[in-house]
N, C-alpha and C. Protein backbone atom coordinates (compact mmCIF):
# COMPACT_ATOMS: atom_id res chain seq x y z
N UNK A 1 109.77 107.11 86.56
CA UNK A 1 108.98 106.68 85.53
C UNK A 1 107.54 106.07 86.07
N UNK A 2 106.59 106.55 85.37
CA UNK A 2 105.20 105.83 85.78
C UNK A 2 105.18 104.51 84.86
N UNK A 3 104.91 103.39 85.45
CA UNK A 3 104.78 102.24 84.89
C UNK A 3 103.44 101.51 84.66
N UNK A 4 102.50 102.36 85.01
CA UNK A 4 101.07 101.71 84.95
C UNK A 4 100.41 101.94 83.55
N UNK A 5 101.26 102.31 82.73
CA UNK A 5 100.69 102.43 81.30
C UNK A 5 101.46 101.41 80.30
N UNK A 6 101.10 101.25 79.17
CA UNK A 6 101.82 100.24 78.25
C UNK A 6 103.17 100.82 77.87
N UNK A 7 103.45 102.22 77.76
CA UNK A 7 104.54 102.82 77.65
C UNK A 7 104.82 103.62 78.79
N UNK A 8 106.13 103.42 79.46
CA UNK A 8 106.31 104.22 80.61
C UNK A 8 106.51 105.70 80.43
N UNK A 9 105.85 106.55 81.36
CA UNK A 9 105.86 107.94 81.19
C UNK A 9 106.98 108.49 82.26
N UNK A 10 107.73 109.46 81.60
CA UNK A 10 108.58 110.19 82.65
C UNK A 10 107.81 111.08 83.33
N UNK A 11 108.09 111.16 84.59
CA UNK A 11 107.53 112.16 85.60
C UNK A 11 108.41 113.36 85.72
N UNK A 12 108.14 114.58 85.53
CA UNK A 12 109.24 115.64 85.78
C UNK A 12 108.61 116.45 86.90
N UNK A 13 109.67 116.67 87.87
CA UNK A 13 109.20 117.45 89.12
C UNK A 13 110.08 118.70 88.92
N UNK A 14 109.43 119.85 88.66
CA UNK A 14 110.16 121.09 88.37
C UNK A 14 110.59 121.72 89.69
N UNK A 15 109.97 121.52 90.76
CA UNK A 15 110.33 122.21 92.04
C UNK A 15 111.29 121.33 92.88
N UNK A 16 112.68 121.38 92.65
CA UNK A 16 113.58 120.61 93.31
C UNK A 16 113.85 121.04 94.78
N UNK A 17 113.40 122.26 95.19
CA UNK A 17 113.46 122.73 96.61
C UNK A 17 112.40 122.16 97.35
N UNK A 18 111.37 121.83 96.96
CA UNK A 18 110.28 121.20 97.68
C UNK A 18 109.65 120.13 96.92
N UNK A 19 110.35 118.89 96.98
CA UNK A 19 109.89 117.71 96.29
C UNK A 19 108.54 117.30 96.56
N UNK A 20 107.93 116.80 95.78
CA UNK A 20 106.36 116.28 95.91
C UNK A 20 106.22 115.07 95.00
N UNK A 21 105.24 114.16 95.32
CA UNK A 21 104.75 113.26 94.39
C UNK A 21 103.90 113.72 93.45
N UNK A 22 104.36 113.52 91.98
CA UNK A 22 103.68 114.06 90.89
C UNK A 22 102.39 113.31 90.47
N UNK A 23 102.16 112.18 91.17
CA UNK A 23 100.84 111.56 90.91
C UNK A 23 100.63 110.56 92.04
N UNK A 24 99.45 109.93 92.07
CA UNK A 24 99.04 109.16 93.10
C UNK A 24 100.00 107.98 93.22
N UNK A 25 100.10 107.38 94.44
CA UNK A 25 100.88 106.18 94.69
C UNK A 25 100.63 104.90 93.84
N UNK A 26 99.04 104.71 93.60
CA UNK A 26 98.72 103.60 92.91
C UNK A 26 99.50 103.62 91.41
N UNK A 27 99.68 104.84 90.87
CA UNK A 27 100.41 104.96 89.73
C UNK A 27 101.76 104.45 89.61
N UNK A 28 102.47 104.60 90.84
CA UNK A 28 103.88 104.43 90.90
C UNK A 28 104.30 103.03 91.54
N UNK A 29 103.39 102.55 92.42
CA UNK A 29 103.62 101.45 93.13
C UNK A 29 103.02 100.15 92.44
N UNK A 30 103.72 99.38 91.77
CA UNK A 30 103.13 98.31 91.19
C UNK A 30 103.90 96.91 91.43
N UNK A 31 103.24 95.86 91.40
CA UNK A 31 103.98 94.63 91.57
C UNK A 31 104.86 94.33 90.36
N UNK A 32 106.17 93.84 90.56
CA UNK A 32 106.92 93.69 89.52
C UNK A 32 106.34 92.87 88.39
N UNK A 33 105.79 91.76 88.79
CA UNK A 33 105.26 90.93 87.65
C UNK A 33 104.16 91.65 86.78
N UNK A 34 103.68 92.75 87.15
CA UNK A 34 102.82 93.45 86.50
C UNK A 34 103.48 94.36 85.43
N UNK A 35 104.66 94.79 85.74
CA UNK A 35 105.39 95.81 84.97
C UNK A 35 106.68 95.42 84.42
N UNK A 36 107.10 94.14 84.46
CA UNK A 36 108.35 93.71 84.03
C UNK A 36 108.54 93.88 82.60
N UNK A 37 107.42 93.84 81.70
CA UNK A 37 107.72 93.95 80.23
C UNK A 37 107.94 95.54 79.94
N UNK A 38 107.07 96.32 80.67
CA UNK A 38 107.19 97.76 80.43
C UNK A 38 108.57 98.23 80.94
N UNK A 39 109.01 97.60 82.08
CA UNK A 39 110.28 98.09 82.67
C UNK A 39 111.42 97.59 81.77
N UNK A 40 111.33 96.47 81.27
CA UNK A 40 112.42 96.00 80.14
C UNK A 40 112.43 96.88 79.08
N UNK A 41 111.39 97.29 78.40
CA UNK A 41 111.35 98.22 77.38
C UNK A 41 112.00 99.52 77.75
N UNK A 42 111.64 100.01 79.01
CA UNK A 42 112.07 101.22 79.30
C UNK A 42 113.74 101.29 79.58
N UNK A 43 114.21 100.21 80.17
CA UNK A 43 115.56 100.16 80.33
C UNK A 43 116.36 100.06 78.95
N UNK A 44 115.77 99.38 78.09
CA UNK A 44 116.34 99.40 76.59
C UNK A 44 116.34 100.75 76.01
N UNK A 45 115.42 101.55 76.43
CA UNK A 45 115.20 102.83 75.49
C UNK A 45 116.08 103.91 76.13
N UNK A 46 116.19 104.03 77.44
CA UNK A 46 116.80 105.08 78.24
C UNK A 46 118.19 105.38 77.57
N UNK A 47 119.15 104.55 77.44
CA UNK A 47 120.55 105.17 76.75
C UNK A 47 120.24 105.92 75.52
N UNK A 48 119.39 105.49 74.65
CA UNK A 48 119.25 106.23 73.35
C UNK A 48 118.64 107.72 73.72
N UNK A 49 117.82 107.73 74.55
CA UNK A 49 117.05 109.06 74.90
C UNK A 49 118.16 110.08 75.48
N UNK A 50 119.02 109.75 76.26
CA UNK A 50 120.00 110.54 76.97
C UNK A 50 121.33 110.48 76.21
N UNK A 51 121.45 110.03 75.08
CA UNK A 51 122.94 109.83 74.58
C UNK A 51 123.60 111.31 74.23
N UNK A 52 122.73 112.27 74.08
CA UNK A 52 123.29 113.70 73.80
C UNK A 52 123.20 114.66 75.10
N UNK A 53 122.78 114.08 76.21
CA UNK A 53 122.64 114.82 77.45
C UNK A 53 124.04 114.98 78.06
N UNK A 54 124.33 116.27 78.20
CA UNK A 54 125.73 116.66 78.87
C UNK A 54 125.48 117.42 80.03
N UNK A 55 124.35 117.43 80.65
CA UNK A 55 124.09 118.32 81.81
C UNK A 55 125.02 117.73 83.00
N UNK A 56 125.42 118.67 83.80
CA UNK A 56 126.20 118.41 84.92
C UNK A 56 125.50 118.55 86.24
N UNK A 57 124.34 118.84 86.16
CA UNK A 57 123.55 119.09 87.49
C UNK A 57 122.56 117.92 87.68
N UNK A 58 122.51 117.49 88.90
CA UNK A 58 121.46 116.43 89.23
C UNK A 58 120.77 116.78 90.48
N UNK A 59 119.46 116.57 90.46
CA UNK A 59 118.56 116.83 91.63
C UNK A 59 118.25 115.47 92.33
N UNK A 60 119.23 114.59 92.57
CA UNK A 60 118.93 113.20 92.89
C UNK A 60 118.42 113.17 94.31
N UNK A 61 118.86 114.24 95.24
CA UNK A 61 118.40 114.11 96.52
C UNK A 61 116.80 114.48 96.52
N UNK A 62 116.40 115.40 95.69
CA UNK A 62 114.97 115.61 95.64
C UNK A 62 114.19 114.39 95.15
N UNK A 63 114.68 113.76 94.19
CA UNK A 63 114.18 112.51 93.76
C UNK A 63 114.08 111.52 94.85
N UNK A 64 115.06 111.39 95.63
CA UNK A 64 115.07 110.37 96.69
C UNK A 64 114.05 110.71 97.76
N UNK A 65 114.05 112.09 98.04
CA UNK A 65 113.00 112.55 99.09
C UNK A 65 111.60 112.21 98.72
N UNK A 66 111.34 112.36 97.38
CA UNK A 66 109.95 112.00 96.91
C UNK A 66 109.81 110.41 96.95
N UNK A 67 110.95 109.74 96.68
CA UNK A 67 110.63 108.28 96.79
C UNK A 67 110.41 107.67 98.20
N UNK A 68 111.01 108.30 99.16
CA UNK A 68 110.94 108.10 100.47
C UNK A 68 109.57 108.42 100.94
N UNK A 69 108.98 109.65 100.44
CA UNK A 69 107.63 109.86 100.75
C UNK A 69 106.67 108.93 100.30
N UNK A 70 106.89 108.62 98.98
CA UNK A 70 106.08 107.45 98.49
C UNK A 70 106.26 106.26 99.24
N UNK A 71 107.41 105.74 99.50
CA UNK A 71 107.48 104.43 100.34
C UNK A 71 106.84 104.52 101.74
N UNK A 72 107.06 105.65 102.36
CA UNK A 72 106.34 105.92 103.73
C UNK A 72 105.02 105.99 103.62
N UNK A 73 104.31 106.59 102.48
CA UNK A 73 102.79 106.55 102.31
C UNK A 73 102.41 105.22 102.30
N UNK A 74 103.13 104.23 101.77
CA UNK A 74 102.82 102.89 101.45
C UNK A 74 102.89 102.07 102.69
N UNK A 75 103.68 102.62 103.68
CA UNK A 75 103.92 101.71 104.83
C UNK A 75 105.30 101.00 104.81
N UNK A 76 105.87 100.84 103.72
CA UNK A 76 107.17 100.15 103.58
C UNK A 76 107.51 100.23 102.21
N UNK A 77 108.78 99.67 101.89
CA UNK A 77 109.26 99.60 100.52
C UNK A 77 110.74 99.63 100.33
N UNK A 78 111.22 99.39 99.20
CA UNK A 78 112.76 99.51 98.93
C UNK A 78 112.81 100.53 97.85
N UNK A 79 113.95 101.12 97.90
CA UNK A 79 114.38 102.19 97.05
C UNK A 79 115.66 101.90 96.16
N UNK A 80 115.78 101.61 95.02
CA UNK A 80 117.06 101.38 94.31
C UNK A 80 117.29 102.53 93.49
N UNK A 81 118.41 103.14 93.60
CA UNK A 81 118.69 104.29 92.81
C UNK A 81 120.14 104.36 92.21
N UNK A 82 120.40 104.91 91.16
CA UNK A 82 121.70 104.95 90.56
C UNK A 82 121.79 106.47 90.04
N UNK A 83 122.98 106.92 90.26
CA UNK A 83 123.22 108.35 89.96
C UNK A 83 124.31 108.26 88.94
N UNK A 84 124.26 109.16 87.76
CA UNK A 84 125.22 109.26 86.90
C UNK A 84 126.31 110.17 87.36
N UNK A 85 125.84 111.19 88.21
CA UNK A 85 126.58 112.22 88.71
C UNK A 85 126.19 112.55 90.15
N UNK A 86 126.99 113.11 90.94
CA UNK A 86 126.47 113.44 92.21
C UNK A 86 125.38 114.55 92.34
N UNK A 87 124.57 114.32 93.18
CA UNK A 87 123.41 115.50 93.20
C UNK A 87 124.09 116.76 93.56
N UNK A 88 123.64 117.80 92.81
CA UNK A 88 124.28 119.04 92.98
C UNK A 88 123.23 120.19 93.02
N UNK A 89 122.00 120.03 92.85
CA UNK A 89 120.94 121.06 93.10
C UNK A 89 119.87 120.57 93.73
N UNK A 90 118.99 121.53 94.30
CA UNK A 90 117.84 121.19 94.97
C UNK A 90 118.04 120.86 96.42
N UNK A 91 117.14 120.19 97.05
CA UNK A 91 117.29 119.93 98.68
C UNK A 91 118.57 119.08 98.92
N UNK A 92 119.20 119.11 100.14
CA UNK A 92 120.19 118.39 100.45
C UNK A 92 121.47 118.82 100.29
C-alpha cells in the first residue's frame, strides 16, 4: 500500500515472475509518525475489503522481492510481512 496520500492506495504488480517497484521509493518509504493515521485506517479497512476473498494463490515471494529491492535502494530498512497462505505462484 502507498501511504503518502490521505487514503492508502493499493499497489498491484501484475508480473509476479519479474517483480518490480510500481512507484518511486519516496511514495513508499515514509517515517511512521507521518503515516500512523493512514496506517491505522488501512488496518481497520482491510478485513472488510477481503471478507469474500477465497483465493488460494499467493505471490508473497514476489512481494518480498520488491520489498527487498526497495530497502536495498534506500540503503537499509526493515520488512515486516504476514501471509494468510503460503506463497504458491511467481518467483521462488
